[in-house]
All heavy atoms as atom14 arrays in JSON, in Angstrom:
{
  "sequence": "VRGRFTISKNNAKNTGYLQMNSLKPEDTAVYYCRLLSRLGTSWGQ",
  "atom14_mask": [
    [1, 1, 1, 1, 1, 1, 1, 0, 0, 0, 0, 0, 0, 0],
    [1, 1, 1, 1, 1, 1, 1, 1, 1, 1, 1, 0, 0, 0],
    [1, 1, 1, 1, 0, 0, 0, 0, 0, 0, 0, 0, 0, 0],
    [1, 1, 1, 1, 1, 1, 1, 1, 1, 1, 1, 0, 0, 0],
    [1, 1, 1, 1, 1, 1, 1, 1, 1, 1, 1, 0, 0, 0],
    [1, 1, 1, 1, 1, 1, 1, 0, 0, 0, 0, 0, 0, 0],
    [1, 1, 1, 1, 1, 1, 1, 1, 0, 0, 0, 0, 0, 0],
    [1, 1, 1, 1, 1, 1, 0, 0, 0, 0, 0, 0, 0, 0],
    [1, 1, 1, 1, 1, 1, 1, 1, 1, 0, 0, 0, 0, 0],
    [1, 1, 1, 1, 1, 1, 1, 1, 0, 0, 0, 0, 0, 0],
    [1, 1, 1, 1, 1, 1, 1, 1, 0, 0, 0, 0, 0, 0],
    [1, 1, 1, 1, 1, 0, 0, 0, 0, 0, 0, 0, 0, 0],
    [1, 1, 1, 1, 1, 1, 1, 1, 1, 0, 0, 0, 0, 0],
    [1, 1, 1, 1, 1, 1, 1, 1, 0, 0, 0, 0, 0, 0],
    [1, 1, 1, 1, 1, 1, 1, 0, 0, 0, 0, 0, 0, 0],
    [1, 1, 1, 1, 0, 0, 0, 0, 0, 0, 0, 0, 0, 0],
    [1, 1, 1, 1, 1, 1, 1, 1, 1, 1, 1, 1, 0, 0],
    [1, 1, 1, 1, 1, 1, 1, 1, 0, 0, 0, 0, 0, 0],
    [1, 1, 1, 1, 1, 1, 1, 1, 1, 0, 0, 0, 0, 0],
    [1, 1, 1, 1, 1, 1, 1, 1, 0, 0, 0, 0, 0, 0],
    [1, 1, 1, 1, 1, 1, 1, 1, 0, 0, 0, 0, 0, 0],
    [1, 1, 1, 1, 1, 1, 0, 0, 0, 0, 0, 0, 0, 0],
    [1, 1, 1, 1, 1, 1, 1, 1, 0, 0, 0, 0, 0, 0],
    [1, 1, 1, 1, 1, 1, 1, 1, 1, 0, 0, 0, 0, 0],
    [1, 1, 1, 1, 1, 1, 1, 0, 0, 0, 0, 0, 0, 0],
    [1, 1, 1, 1, 1, 1, 1, 1, 1, 0, 0, 0, 0, 0],
    [1, 1, 1, 1, 1, 1, 1, 1, 0, 0, 0, 0, 0, 0],
    [1, 1, 1, 1, 1, 1, 1, 0, 0, 0, 0, 0, 0, 0],
    [1, 1, 1, 1, 1, 0, 0, 0, 0, 0, 0, 0, 0, 0],
    [1, 1, 1, 1, 1, 1, 1, 0, 0, 0, 0, 0, 0, 0],
    [1, 1, 1, 1, 1, 1, 1, 1, 1, 1, 1, 1, 0, 0],
    [1, 1, 1, 1, 1, 1, 1, 1, 1, 1, 1, 1, 0, 0],
    [1, 1, 1, 1, 1, 1, 0, 0, 0, 0, 0, 0, 0, 0],
    [1, 1, 1, 1, 1, 1, 1, 1, 1, 1, 1, 0, 0, 0],
    [1, 1, 1, 1, 1, 1, 1, 1, 0, 0, 0, 0, 0, 0],
    [1, 1, 1, 1, 1, 1, 1, 1, 0, 0, 0, 0, 0, 0],
    [1, 1, 1, 1, 1, 1, 0, 0, 0, 0, 0, 0, 0, 0],
    [1, 1, 1, 1, 1, 1, 1, 1, 1, 1, 1, 0, 0, 0],
    [1, 1, 1, 1, 1, 1, 1, 1, 0, 0, 0, 0, 0, 0],
    [1, 1, 1, 1, 0, 0, 0, 0, 0, 0, 0, 0, 0, 0],
    [1, 1, 1, 1, 1, 1, 1, 0, 0, 0, 0, 0, 0, 0],
    [1, 1, 1, 1, 1, 1, 0, 0, 0, 0, 0, 0, 0, 0],
    [1, 1, 1, 1, 1, 1, 1, 1, 1, 1, 1, 1, 1, 1],
    [1, 1, 1, 1, 0, 0, 0, 0, 0, 0, 0, 0, 0, 0],
    [1, 1, 1, 1, 1, 1, 1, 1, 1, 0, 0, 0, 0, 0]
  ],
  "atom14_positions": [
    [[-6.99, -10.9, -15.47], [-6.16, -11.98, -16.03], [-6.99, -13.12, -16.62], [-6.43, -14.01, -17.28], [-5.2, -12.57, -14.97], [-4.42, -11.45, -14.28], [-5.92, -13.42, -13.94], [0.0, 0.0, 0.0], [0.0, 0.0, 0.0], [0.0, 0.0, 0.0], [0.0, 0.0, 0.0], [0.0, 0.0, 0.0], [0.0, 0.0, 0.0], [0.0, 0.0, 0.0]],
    [[-8.3, -13.08, -16.41], [-9.14, -14.18, -16.91], [-9.02, -14.27, -18.41], [-9.11, -13.28, -19.13], [-10.59, -13.97, -16.49], [-11.51, -15.16, -16.78], [-12.91, -14.94, -16.27], [-12.95, -14.82, -14.83], [-13.25, -13.69, -14.17], [-13.55, -12.6, -14.83], [-13.26, -13.68, -12.84], [0.0, 0.0, 0.0], [0.0, 0.0, 0.0], [0.0, 0.0, 0.0]],
    [[-8.81, -15.51, -18.89], [-8.64, -15.73, -20.31], [-7.2, -15.66, -20.77], [-6.87, -16.09, -21.88], [0.0, 0.0, 0.0], [0.0, 0.0, 0.0], [0.0, 0.0, 0.0], [0.0, 0.0, 0.0], [0.0, 0.0, 0.0], [0.0, 0.0, 0.0], [0.0, 0.0, 0.0], [0.0, 0.0, 0.0], [0.0, 0.0, 0.0], [0.0, 0.0, 0.0]],
    [[-6.31, -15.13, -19.92], [-4.88, -15.07, -20.25], [-4.04, -15.96, -19.36], [-3.02, -16.51, -19.78], [-4.39, -13.61, -20.13], [-5.08, -12.64, -21.04], [-4.4, -11.28, -21.01], [-4.46, -10.66, -19.7], [-3.38, -10.29, -18.99], [-2.16, -10.47, -19.49], [-3.53, -9.71, -17.8], [0.0, 0.0, 0.0], [0.0, 0.0, 0.0], [0.0, 0.0, 0.0]],
    [[-4.45, -16.08, -18.1], [-3.7, -16.88, -17.14], [-4.45, -18.18, -16.83], [-5.69, -18.2, -16.85], [-3.52, -16.12, -15.81], [-2.6, -14.94, -15.86], [-2.11, -14.43, -17.07], [-2.21, -14.32, -14.68], [-1.28, -13.32, -17.1], [-1.37, -13.21, -14.69], [-0.91, -12.72, -15.91], [0.0, 0.0, 0.0], [0.0, 0.0, 0.0], [0.0, 0.0, 0.0]],
    [[-3.7, -19.22, -16.54], [-4.29, -20.5, -16.16], [-3.58, -21.05, -14.94], [-2.36, -21.22, -14.96], [-4.2, -21.53, -17.3], [-4.85, -21.01, -18.46], [-4.87, -22.83, -16.9], [0.0, 0.0, 0.0], [0.0, 0.0, 0.0], [0.0, 0.0, 0.0], [0.0, 0.0, 0.0], [0.0, 0.0, 0.0], [0.0, 0.0, 0.0], [0.0, 0.0, 0.0]],
    [[-4.35, -21.31, -13.88], [-3.8, -21.9, -12.68], [-4.03, -23.4, -12.72], [-5.08, -23.87, -13.19], [-4.42, -21.27, -11.41], [-3.67, -21.73, -10.17], [-5.9, -21.55, -11.31], [-4.1, -20.97, -8.91], [0.0, 0.0, 0.0], [0.0, 0.0, 0.0], [0.0, 0.0, 0.0], [0.0, 0.0, 0.0], [0.0, 0.0, 0.0], [0.0, 0.0, 0.0]],
    [[-3.04, -24.15, -12.26], [-3.16, -25.61, -12.26], [-2.27, -26.18, -11.16], [-1.51, -25.44, -10.52], [-2.77, -26.2, -13.62], [-1.42, -25.94, -13.91], [0.0, 0.0, 0.0], [0.0, 0.0, 0.0], [0.0, 0.0, 0.0], [0.0, 0.0, 0.0], [0.0, 0.0, 0.0], [0.0, 0.0, 0.0], [0.0, 0.0, 0.0], [0.0, 0.0, 0.0]],
    [[-2.37, -27.48, -10.95], [-1.53, -28.12, -9.95], [-1.3, -29.57, -10.31], [-2.09, -30.17, -11.05], [-2.17, -28.03, -8.55], [-3.54, -28.71, -8.45], [-4.06, -28.66, -7.04], [-5.42, -29.33, -6.94], [-5.85, -29.53, -5.56], [0.0, 0.0, 0.0], [0.0, 0.0, 0.0], [0.0, 0.0, 0.0], [0.0, 0.0, 0.0], [0.0, 0.0, 0.0]],
    [[-0.2, -30.09, -9.81], [0.13, -31.52, -9.97], [0.3, -32.07, -8.56], [1.35, -31.85, -7.94], [1.39, -31.67, -10.81], [1.71, -33.11, -11.09], [1.5, -33.99, -10.26], [2.22, -33.38, -12.29], [0.0, 0.0, 0.0], [0.0, 0.0, 0.0], [0.0, 0.0, 0.0], [0.0, 0.0, 0.0], [0.0, 0.0, 0.0], [0.0, 0.0, 0.0]],
    [[-0.72, -32.76, -8.08], [-0.67, -33.24, -6.7], [0.5, -34.21, -6.47], [1.12, -34.2, -5.42], [-1.99, -33.91, -6.34], [-3.14, -32.95, -6.28], [-2.96, -31.76, -6.04], [-4.35, -33.45, -6.49], [0.0, 0.0, 0.0], [0.0, 0.0, 0.0], [0.0, 0.0, 0.0], [0.0, 0.0, 0.0], [0.0, 0.0, 0.0], [0.0, 0.0, 0.0]],
    [[0.79, -35.02, -7.47], [1.88, -36.0, -7.32], [3.23, -35.34, -7.16], [4.13, -35.88, -6.51], [1.87, -36.94, -8.51], [0.0, 0.0, 0.0], [0.0, 0.0, 0.0], [0.0, 0.0, 0.0], [0.0, 0.0, 0.0], [0.0, 0.0, 0.0], [0.0, 0.0, 0.0], [0.0, 0.0, 0.0], [0.0, 0.0, 0.0], [0.0, 0.0, 0.0]],
    [[3.38, -34.14, -7.76], [4.64, -33.42, -7.67], [4.62, -32.35, -6.59], [5.59, -31.61, -6.44], [4.98, -32.79, -9.02], [5.27, -33.79, -10.13], [5.7, -33.08, -11.4], [6.06, -34.09, -12.48], [6.5, -33.42, -13.74], [0.0, 0.0, 0.0], [0.0, 0.0, 0.0], [0.0, 0.0, 0.0], [0.0, 0.0, 0.0], [0.0, 0.0, 0.0]],
    [[3.48, -32.23, -5.89], [3.37, -31.2, -4.85], [3.68, -29.82, -5.39], [4.3, -28.98, -4.71], [4.28, -31.52, -3.67], [4.02, -32.86, -3.07], [2.87, -33.25, -2.88], [5.09, -33.61, -2.8], [0.0, 0.0, 0.0], [0.0, 0.0, 0.0], [0.0, 0.0, 0.0], [0.0, 0.0, 0.0], [0.0, 0.0, 0.0], [0.0, 0.0, 0.0]],
    [[3.23, -29.54, -6.58], [3.59, -28.29, -7.27], [2.36, -27.68, -7.91], [1.54, -28.39, -8.51], [4.66, -28.54, -8.33], [5.82, -29.12, -7.7], [5.08, -27.24, -8.99], [0.0, 0.0, 0.0], [0.0, 0.0, 0.0], [0.0, 0.0, 0.0], [0.0, 0.0, 0.0], [0.0, 0.0, 0.0], [0.0, 0.0, 0.0], [0.0, 0.0, 0.0]],
    [[2.26, -26.36, -7.8], [1.24, -25.61, -8.48], [1.85, -24.73, -9.53], [3.07, -24.45, -9.5], [0.0, 0.0, 0.0], [0.0, 0.0, 0.0], [0.0, 0.0, 0.0], [0.0, 0.0, 0.0], [0.0, 0.0, 0.0], [0.0, 0.0, 0.0], [0.0, 0.0, 0.0], [0.0, 0.0, 0.0], [0.0, 0.0, 0.0], [0.0, 0.0, 0.0]],
    [[1.04, -24.28, -10.47], [1.55, -23.51, -11.59], [0.62, -22.34, -11.9], [-0.57, -22.37, -11.59], [1.64, -24.41, -12.85], [2.44, -25.66, -12.64], [1.8, -26.87, -12.33], [3.82, -25.67, -12.74], [2.54, -28.03, -12.14], [4.55, -26.83, -12.54], [3.89, -28.0, -12.24], [4.61, -29.15, -12.05], [0.0, 0.0, 0.0], [0.0, 0.0, 0.0]],
    [[1.22, -21.35, -12.54], [0.45, -20.26, -13.11], [1.01, -20.01, -14.51], [2.11, -19.48, -14.65], [0.54, -18.99, -12.25], [-0.36, -17.85, -12.73], [-1.85, -18.21, -12.55], [-0.03, -16.55, -11.97], [0.0, 0.0, 0.0], [0.0, 0.0, 0.0], [0.0, 0.0, 0.0], [0.0, 0.0, 0.0], [0.0, 0.0, 0.0], [0.0, 0.0, 0.0]],
    [[0.27, -20.43, -15.51], [0.66, -20.18, -16.9], [0.12, -18.82, -17.28], [-1.07, -18.55, -17.19], [0.06, -21.24, -17.82], [0.34, -21.03, -19.3], [1.81, -21.18, -19.64], [2.47, -22.1, -19.17], [2.33, -20.26, -20.45], [0.0, 0.0, 0.0], [0.0, 0.0, 0.0], [0.0, 0.0, 0.0], [0.0, 0.0, 0.0], [0.0, 0.0, 0.0]],
    [[1.02, -17.95, -17.72], [0.66, -16.57, -18.04], [0.94, -16.33, -19.51], [2.11, -16.41, -19.94], [1.45, -15.59, -17.17], [1.31, -15.86, -15.67], [2.12, -14.63, -14.63], [3.82, -14.92, -15.08], [0.0, 0.0, 0.0], [0.0, 0.0, 0.0], [0.0, 0.0, 0.0], [0.0, 0.0, 0.0], [0.0, 0.0, 0.0], [0.0, 0.0, 0.0]],
    [[-0.09, -16.05, -20.26], [0.03, -15.76, -21.69], [-0.41, -14.34, -21.98], [-1.07, -13.71, -21.15], [-0.83, -16.74, -22.48], [-0.41, -18.19, -22.29], [0.76, -18.49, -22.1], [-1.38, -19.1, -22.37], [0.0, 0.0, 0.0], [0.0, 0.0, 0.0], [0.0, 0.0, 0.0], [0.0, 0.0, 0.0], [0.0, 0.0, 0.0], [0.0, 0.0, 0.0]],
    [[-0.05, -13.87, -23.14], [-0.44, -12.51, -23.57], [-0.13, -11.49, -22.48], [-0.96, -10.64, -22.15], [-1.94, -12.48, -23.9], [-2.25, -13.41, -24.91], [0.0, 0.0, 0.0], [0.0, 0.0, 0.0], [0.0, 0.0, 0.0], [0.0, 0.0, 0.0], [0.0, 0.0, 0.0], [0.0, 0.0, 0.0], [0.0, 0.0, 0.0], [0.0, 0.0, 0.0]],
    [[1.07, -11.56, -21.99], [1.44, -10.69, -20.88], [1.47, -9.22, -21.29], [1.82, -8.87, -22.43], [2.81, -11.11, -20.32], [2.75, -12.35, -19.42], [4.12, -12.98, -19.28], [2.17, -12.0, -18.06], [0.0, 0.0, 0.0], [0.0, 0.0, 0.0], [0.0, 0.0, 0.0], [0.0, 0.0, 0.0], [0.0, 0.0, 0.0], [0.0, 0.0, 0.0]],
    [[1.11, -8.38, -20.34], [1.04, -6.94, -20.56], [1.98, -6.25, -19.57], [2.26, -6.79, -18.49], [-0.39, -6.45, -20.32], [-1.45, -7.14, -21.16], [-2.85, -6.67, -20.78], [-3.91, -7.36, -21.6], [-5.29, -6.9, -21.22], [0.0, 0.0, 0.0], [0.0, 0.0, 0.0], [0.0, 0.0, 0.0], [0.0, 0.0, 0.0], [0.0, 0.0, 0.0]],
    [[2.4, -5.04, -19.87], [3.25, -4.32, -18.93], [2.63, -4.2, -17.53], [3.35, -4.23, -16.52], [3.43, -2.95, -19.58], [3.32, -3.25, -21.05], [2.27, -4.32, -21.14], [0.0, 0.0, 0.0], [0.0, 0.0, 0.0], [0.0, 0.0, 0.0], [0.0, 0.0, 0.0], [0.0, 0.0, 0.0], [0.0, 0.0, 0.0], [0.0, 0.0, 0.0]],
    [[1.32, -4.09, -17.48], [0.65, -3.97, -16.18], [0.64, -5.27, -15.37], [0.2, -5.26, -14.21], [-0.78, -3.44, -16.34], [-1.62, -4.19, -17.35], [-1.64, -3.53, -18.72], [-0.54, -3.07, -19.18], [-2.73, -3.48, -19.34], [0.0, 0.0, 0.0], [0.0, 0.0, 0.0], [0.0, 0.0, 0.0], [0.0, 0.0, 0.0], [0.0, 0.0, 0.0]],
    [[1.11, -6.35, -15.95], [1.27, -7.59, -15.2], [2.6, -7.63, -14.42], [2.83, -8.55, -13.67], [1.23, -8.8, -16.15], [-0.12, -8.98, -16.81], [-1.16, -8.82, -16.12], [-0.15, -9.27, -18.02], [0.0, 0.0, 0.0], [0.0, 0.0, 0.0], [0.0, 0.0, 0.0], [0.0, 0.0, 0.0], [0.0, 0.0, 0.0], [0.0, 0.0, 0.0]],
    [[3.42, -6.61, -14.65], [4.69, -6.55, -13.94], [4.46, -6.47, -12.43], [3.74, -5.6, -11.94], [5.5, -5.32, -14.38], [5.85, -5.49, -15.77], [6.76, -5.15, -13.56], [0.0, 0.0, 0.0], [0.0, 0.0, 0.0], [0.0, 0.0, 0.0], [0.0, 0.0, 0.0], [0.0, 0.0, 0.0], [0.0, 0.0, 0.0], [0.0, 0.0, 0.0]],
    [[5.07, -7.41, -11.71], [4.87, -7.49, -10.26], [5.71, -8.63, -9.69], [6.26, -9.45, -10.45], [3.4, -7.73, -9.94], [0.0, 0.0, 0.0], [0.0, 0.0, 0.0], [0.0, 0.0, 0.0], [0.0, 0.0, 0.0], [0.0, 0.0, 0.0], [0.0, 0.0, 0.0], [0.0, 0.0, 0.0], [0.0, 0.0, 0.0], [0.0, 0.0, 0.0]],
    [[5.79, -8.65, -8.38], [6.3, -9.83, -7.69], [5.11, -10.74, -7.45], [4.1, -10.31, -6.89], [6.99, -9.47, -6.37], [7.45, -10.73, -5.65], [8.18, -8.55, -6.63], [0.0, 0.0, 0.0], [0.0, 0.0, 0.0], [0.0, 0.0, 0.0], [0.0, 0.0, 0.0], [0.0, 0.0, 0.0], [0.0, 0.0, 0.0], [0.0, 0.0, 0.0]],
    [[5.24, -11.99, -7.88], [4.16, -12.94, -7.76], [4.45, -13.9, -6.6], [5.56, -14.44, -6.48], [4.0, -13.73, -9.06], [3.32, -12.94, -10.13], [3.97, -11.88, -10.76], [2.0, -13.22, -10.53], [3.34, -11.12, -11.74], [1.37, -12.47, -11.5], [2.04, -11.43, -12.11], [1.4, -10.68, -13.06], [0.0, 0.0, 0.0], [0.0, 0.0, 0.0]],
    [[3.42, -14.12, -5.79], [3.54, -14.96, -4.62], [2.51, -16.09, -4.7], [1.38, -15.88, -5.11], [3.26, -14.18, -3.33], [4.18, -13.02, -3.08], [3.92, -11.76, -3.6], [5.33, -13.18, -2.3], [4.75, -10.68, -3.35], [6.18, -12.12, -2.05], [5.88, -10.86, -2.59], [6.71, -9.82, -2.34], [0.0, 0.0, 0.0], [0.0, 0.0, 0.0]],
    [[2.9, -17.27, -4.25], [1.93, -18.35, -4.12], [1.57, -18.5, -2.64], [2.39, -18.21, -1.75], [2.45, -19.66, -4.67], [4.02, -20.24, -4.01], [0.0, 0.0, 0.0], [0.0, 0.0, 0.0], [0.0, 0.0, 0.0], [0.0, 0.0, 0.0], [0.0, 0.0, 0.0], [0.0, 0.0, 0.0], [0.0, 0.0, 0.0], [0.0, 0.0, 0.0]],
    [[0.37, -18.92, -2.41], [-0.13, -19.15, -1.06], [-0.86, -20.47, -1.01], [-1.59, -20.81, -1.94], [-1.08, -18.03, -0.62], [-1.49, -18.12, 0.83], [-2.52, -17.08, 1.22], [-3.86, -17.45, 0.79], [-4.96, -16.84, 1.22], [-4.87, -15.84, 2.09], [-6.13, -17.22, 0.77], [0.0, 0.0, 0.0], [0.0, 0.0, 0.0], [0.0, 0.0, 0.0]],
    [[-0.66, -21.19, 0.07], [-1.28, -22.5, 0.23], [-2.06, -22.52, 1.55], [-1.5, -22.2, 2.6], [-0.23, -23.61, 0.22], [-0.72, -25.02, -0.09], [-1.25, -25.1, -1.52], [0.4, -26.02, 0.1], [0.0, 0.0, 0.0], [0.0, 0.0, 0.0], [0.0, 0.0, 0.0], [0.0, 0.0, 0.0], [0.0, 0.0, 0.0], [0.0, 0.0, 0.0]],
    [[-3.33, -22.88, 1.46], [-4.17, -23.08, 2.64], [-4.36, -24.57, 2.83], [-4.93, -25.23, 1.96], [-5.52, -22.39, 2.48], [-5.51, -20.9, 2.19], [-6.94, -20.39, 2.0], [-4.84, -20.14, 3.3], [0.0, 0.0, 0.0], [0.0, 0.0, 0.0], [0.0, 0.0, 0.0], [0.0, 0.0, 0.0], [0.0, 0.0, 0.0], [0.0, 0.0, 0.0]],
    [[-3.9, -25.09, 3.95], [-3.98, -26.54, 4.17], [-4.31, -26.81, 5.63], [-4.44, -25.89, 6.44], [-2.66, -27.2, 3.82], [-1.66, -26.88, 4.76], [0.0, 0.0, 0.0], [0.0, 0.0, 0.0], [0.0, 0.0, 0.0], [0.0, 0.0, 0.0], [0.0, 0.0, 0.0], [0.0, 0.0, 0.0], [0.0, 0.0, 0.0], [0.0, 0.0, 0.0]],
    [[-4.37, -28.09, 5.96], [-4.63, -28.48, 7.36], [-3.5, -28.03, 8.28], [-3.67, -27.99, 9.5], [-4.78, -30.0, 7.43], [-3.61, -30.77, 6.9], [-3.82, -32.27, 6.99], [-2.79, -33.0, 6.29], [-1.58, -33.25, 6.8], [-1.28, -32.8, 8.0], [-0.69, -33.94, 6.1], [0.0, 0.0, 0.0], [0.0, 0.0, 0.0], [0.0, 0.0, 0.0]],
    [[-2.36, -27.67, 7.66], [-1.21, -27.24, 8.46], [-1.17, -25.71, 8.62], [-0.26, -25.18, 9.25], [0.08, -27.71, 7.8], [0.21, -29.23, 7.66], [1.52, -29.58, 6.95], [0.15, -29.9, 9.03], [0.0, 0.0, 0.0], [0.0, 0.0, 0.0], [0.0, 0.0, 0.0], [0.0, 0.0, 0.0], [0.0, 0.0, 0.0], [0.0, 0.0, 0.0]],
    [[-2.14, -25.04, 8.02], [-2.18, -23.59, 8.14], [-2.0, -22.89, 6.81], [-2.2, -23.46, 5.75], [0.0, 0.0, 0.0], [0.0, 0.0, 0.0], [0.0, 0.0, 0.0], [0.0, 0.0, 0.0], [0.0, 0.0, 0.0], [0.0, 0.0, 0.0], [0.0, 0.0, 0.0], [0.0, 0.0, 0.0], [0.0, 0.0, 0.0], [0.0, 0.0, 0.0]],
    [[-1.56, -21.64, 6.87], [-1.34, -20.82, 5.68], [0.15, -20.65, 5.45], [0.89, -20.29, 6.38], [-1.98, -19.45, 5.86], [-3.38, -19.61, 6.09], [-1.78, -18.57, 4.62], [0.0, 0.0, 0.0], [0.0, 0.0, 0.0], [0.0, 0.0, 0.0], [0.0, 0.0, 0.0], [0.0, 0.0, 0.0], [0.0, 0.0, 0.0], [0.0, 0.0, 0.0]],
    [[0.56, -20.89, 4.2], [1.97, -20.74, 3.86], [2.1, -19.85, 2.63], [1.27, -19.91, 1.74], [2.59, -22.11, 3.55], [2.46, -22.98, 4.64], [0.0, 0.0, 0.0], [0.0, 0.0, 0.0], [0.0, 0.0, 0.0], [0.0, 0.0, 0.0], [0.0, 0.0, 0.0], [0.0, 0.0, 0.0], [0.0, 0.0, 0.0], [0.0, 0.0, 0.0]],
    [[3.16, -19.07, 2.61], [3.45, -18.17, 1.48], [4.82, -18.51, 0.89], [5.76, -18.8, 1.64], [3.48, -16.72, 1.93], [2.14, -16.12, 2.22], [1.47, -16.12, 3.43], [1.29, -15.42, 1.3], [0.28, -15.47, 3.3], [0.14, -15.01, 2.02], [1.38, -15.08, -0.06], [-0.91, -14.31, 1.42], [0.34, -14.38, -0.65], [-0.78, -14.01, 0.09]],
    [[4.91, -18.41, -0.42], [6.2, -18.54, -1.07], [6.95, -17.21, -0.97], [6.39, -16.19, -0.55], [0.0, 0.0, 0.0], [0.0, 0.0, 0.0], [0.0, 0.0, 0.0], [0.0, 0.0, 0.0], [0.0, 0.0, 0.0], [0.0, 0.0, 0.0], [0.0, 0.0, 0.0], [0.0, 0.0, 0.0], [0.0, 0.0, 0.0], [0.0, 0.0, 0.0]],
    [[8.19, -17.21, -1.41], [9.05, -16.04, -1.23], [8.83, -14.98, -2.31], [9.35, -13.88, -2.17], [10.52, -16.47, -1.22], [11.16, -16.63, -2.57], [10.74, -17.88, -3.3], [9.87, -18.63, -2.89], [11.39, -18.13, -4.44], [0.0, 0.0, 0.0], [0.0, 0.0, 0.0], [0.0, 0.0, 0.0], [0.0, 0.0, 0.0], [0.0, 0.0, 0.0]]
  ]
}
């Protein structure tokens, strides 16, 4: 995905992003976010 995807975050909004460009059929999947913090490990749905 290097060169096609960009990960970023907005700390003020407590939100992270994954911009995905030039998508290919092989990118088809369920995408999950994970956060490692002082409170432990959390996964999105």
